[in-house]
Amino acid sequence: MPSTTTYRSGQVVVVNVPYSDQSGAKPRPALVVSAEGFHRNLPDIIVCPVSSQPKYYERPGPGDRPLRHWQTVGLRHPSTVRVSNIVAVDKRVVTRVLGSVEAEDLDTVKKALRHAFSL
């Protein structure tokens, strides 16, 4: 049965994000990047994992977008959206919504997505 919960682009949710090598997964925050109109009738949402590892915040790579306003989302540490690790997750595995990122941070992530997909 499809989830009746709606998610919006810019929300930070907690989901089990798979490791890059597919050896497992762990619960972590992730930024919803798919639009509600796109995923409304789909079982999945598209997210980018959010990392609190200092190396991504202090020296972000081309696929990393540090959140300037990470505290307003409810994150405990300076955090970075890992645009390079985009993933689709079943809506039913979302355990909670932490909050929404500020417009400035969402715009930065959207620009990175456009660049990543040559849009």
Protein backbone atom coordinates (compact mmCIF):
# COMPACT_ATOMS: atom_id res chain seq x y z
CA MET A 1 0.00 0.00 0.00
CA PRO A 2 1.47 3.40 -0.97
CA SER A 3 2.34 5.89 1.75
CA THR A 4 -0.24 8.65 2.24
CA THR A 5 2.33 10.94 3.85
CA THR A 6 3.44 13.80 1.65
CA TYR A 7 7.00 15.00 1.49
CA ARG A 8 8.24 18.26 0.03
CA SER A 9 11.50 19.17 -1.62
CA GLY A 10 13.70 20.77 1.01
CA GLN A 11 12.56 18.63 3.93
CA VAL A 12 15.20 16.75 5.89
CA VAL A 13 13.97 13.26 6.77
CA VAL A 14 15.54 10.31 8.56
CA VAL A 15 15.90 7.18 6.41
CA ASN A 16 18.13 4.13 6.13
CA VAL A 17 20.71 5.23 3.59
CA PRO A 18 22.74 2.45 1.95
CA TYR A 19 26.52 2.58 2.09
CA SER A 20 28.17 3.37 -1.24
CA ASP A 21 29.52 -0.19 -1.46
CA GLN A 22 26.03 -1.62 -0.75
CA SER A 23 27.35 -3.57 2.26
CA GLY A 24 24.64 -2.23 4.54
CA ALA A 25 22.72 0.87 5.55
CA LYS A 26 22.29 3.12 8.54
CA PRO A 27 19.70 5.66 9.64
CA ARG A 28 20.75 9.16 8.75
CA PRO A 29 19.26 12.45 7.71
CA ALA A 30 18.63 13.01 4.02
CA LEU A 31 17.35 15.97 2.04
CA VAL A 32 14.28 15.38 -0.12
CA VAL A 33 15.13 16.67 -3.60
CA SER A 34 12.24 15.29 -5.66
CA ALA A 35 9.22 17.53 -6.09
CA GLU A 36 5.93 16.53 -4.51
CA GLY A 37 4.24 16.64 -7.93
CA PHE A 38 6.80 14.14 -9.22
CA HIS A 39 6.74 11.60 -6.40
CA ARG A 40 3.14 12.00 -5.20
CA ASN A 41 1.96 8.80 -6.93
CA LEU A 42 5.25 6.93 -6.67
CA PRO A 43 6.34 4.67 -3.81
CA ASP A 44 9.73 6.40 -3.54
CA ILE A 45 11.18 9.83 -2.91
CA ILE A 46 14.56 10.97 -4.15
CA VAL A 47 16.96 12.13 -1.45
CA CYS A 48 20.55 13.20 -0.94
CA PRO A 49 22.16 11.94 2.28
CA VAL A 50 23.28 14.53 4.83
CA SER A 51 26.65 13.95 6.51
CA SER A 52 28.00 15.46 9.70
CA GLN A 53 31.57 14.33 8.96
CA PRO A 54 33.77 17.43 9.33
CA LYS A 55 35.83 16.63 6.21
CA TYR A 56 32.82 17.24 3.95
CA TYR A 57 31.87 20.48 5.70
CA GLU A 58 35.37 21.93 6.03
CA ARG A 59 36.70 20.83 2.63
CA PRO A 60 33.67 20.06 0.45
CA GLY A 61 34.26 18.22 -2.79
CA PRO A 62 32.42 18.87 -6.06
CA GLY A 63 29.46 16.75 -4.93
CA ASP A 64 29.14 18.30 -1.46
CA ARG A 65 27.02 21.26 -0.40
CA PRO A 66 27.53 22.39 3.22
CA LEU A 67 24.36 23.69 4.88
CA ARG A 68 24.87 27.23 6.14
CA HIS A 69 21.75 27.06 8.29
CA TRP A 70 22.09 23.49 9.58
CA GLN A 71 20.88 24.39 13.09
CA THR A 72 17.49 25.66 11.91
CA VAL A 73 16.78 22.20 10.46
CA GLY A 74 17.39 20.55 13.83
CA LEU A 75 20.73 18.99 12.95
CA ARG A 76 23.16 18.66 15.87
CA HIS A 77 26.40 19.27 13.96
CA PRO A 78 27.56 21.25 10.93
CA SER A 79 26.31 19.14 8.04
CA THR A 80 26.76 18.69 4.32
CA VAL A 81 24.34 17.50 1.64
CA ARG A 82 26.06 14.78 -0.40
CA VAL A 83 24.65 15.52 -3.87
CA SER A 84 27.05 12.89 -5.24
CA ASN A 85 25.18 10.15 -3.31
CA ILE A 86 21.63 10.72 -4.55
CA VAL A 87 19.30 7.78 -3.86
CA ALA A 88 15.64 6.78 -4.15
CA VAL A 89 14.06 5.46 -0.93
CA ASP A 90 10.68 3.96 -0.23
CA LYS A 91 8.46 6.50 1.54
CA ARG A 92 7.53 3.82 4.08
CA VAL A 93 11.09 3.77 5.46
CA VAL A 94 11.05 7.45 6.41
CA THR A 95 11.09 7.39 10.21
CA ARG A 96 10.57 11.11 10.78
CA VAL A 97 10.83 14.61 9.37
CA LEU A 98 13.43 16.80 11.09
CA GLY A 99 12.51 20.07 9.37
CA SER A 100 13.11 22.04 6.21
CA VAL A 101 16.28 23.71 4.97
CA GLU A 102 16.42 27.44 4.39
CA ALA A 103 15.74 28.65 0.83
CA GLU A 104 19.39 29.70 0.41
CA ASP A 105 20.63 26.18 1.20
CA LEU A 106 18.01 24.53 -1.02
CA ASP A 107 18.97 26.81 -3.93
CA THR A 108 22.61 25.78 -3.53
CA VAL A 109 21.67 22.09 -3.64
CA LYS A 110 19.41 22.62 -6.67
CA LYS A 111 22.26 24.32 -8.53
CA ALA A 112 24.52 21.36 -7.72
CA LEU A 113 21.86 18.92 -9.00
CA ARG A 114 21.48 20.88 -12.25
CA HIS A 115 25.26 20.77 -12.67
CA ALA A 116 25.45 17.04 -11.85
CA PHE A 117 22.83 16.17 -14.46
CA SER A 118 23.80 18.85 -17.00
CA LEU A 119 20.35 20.45 -16.77
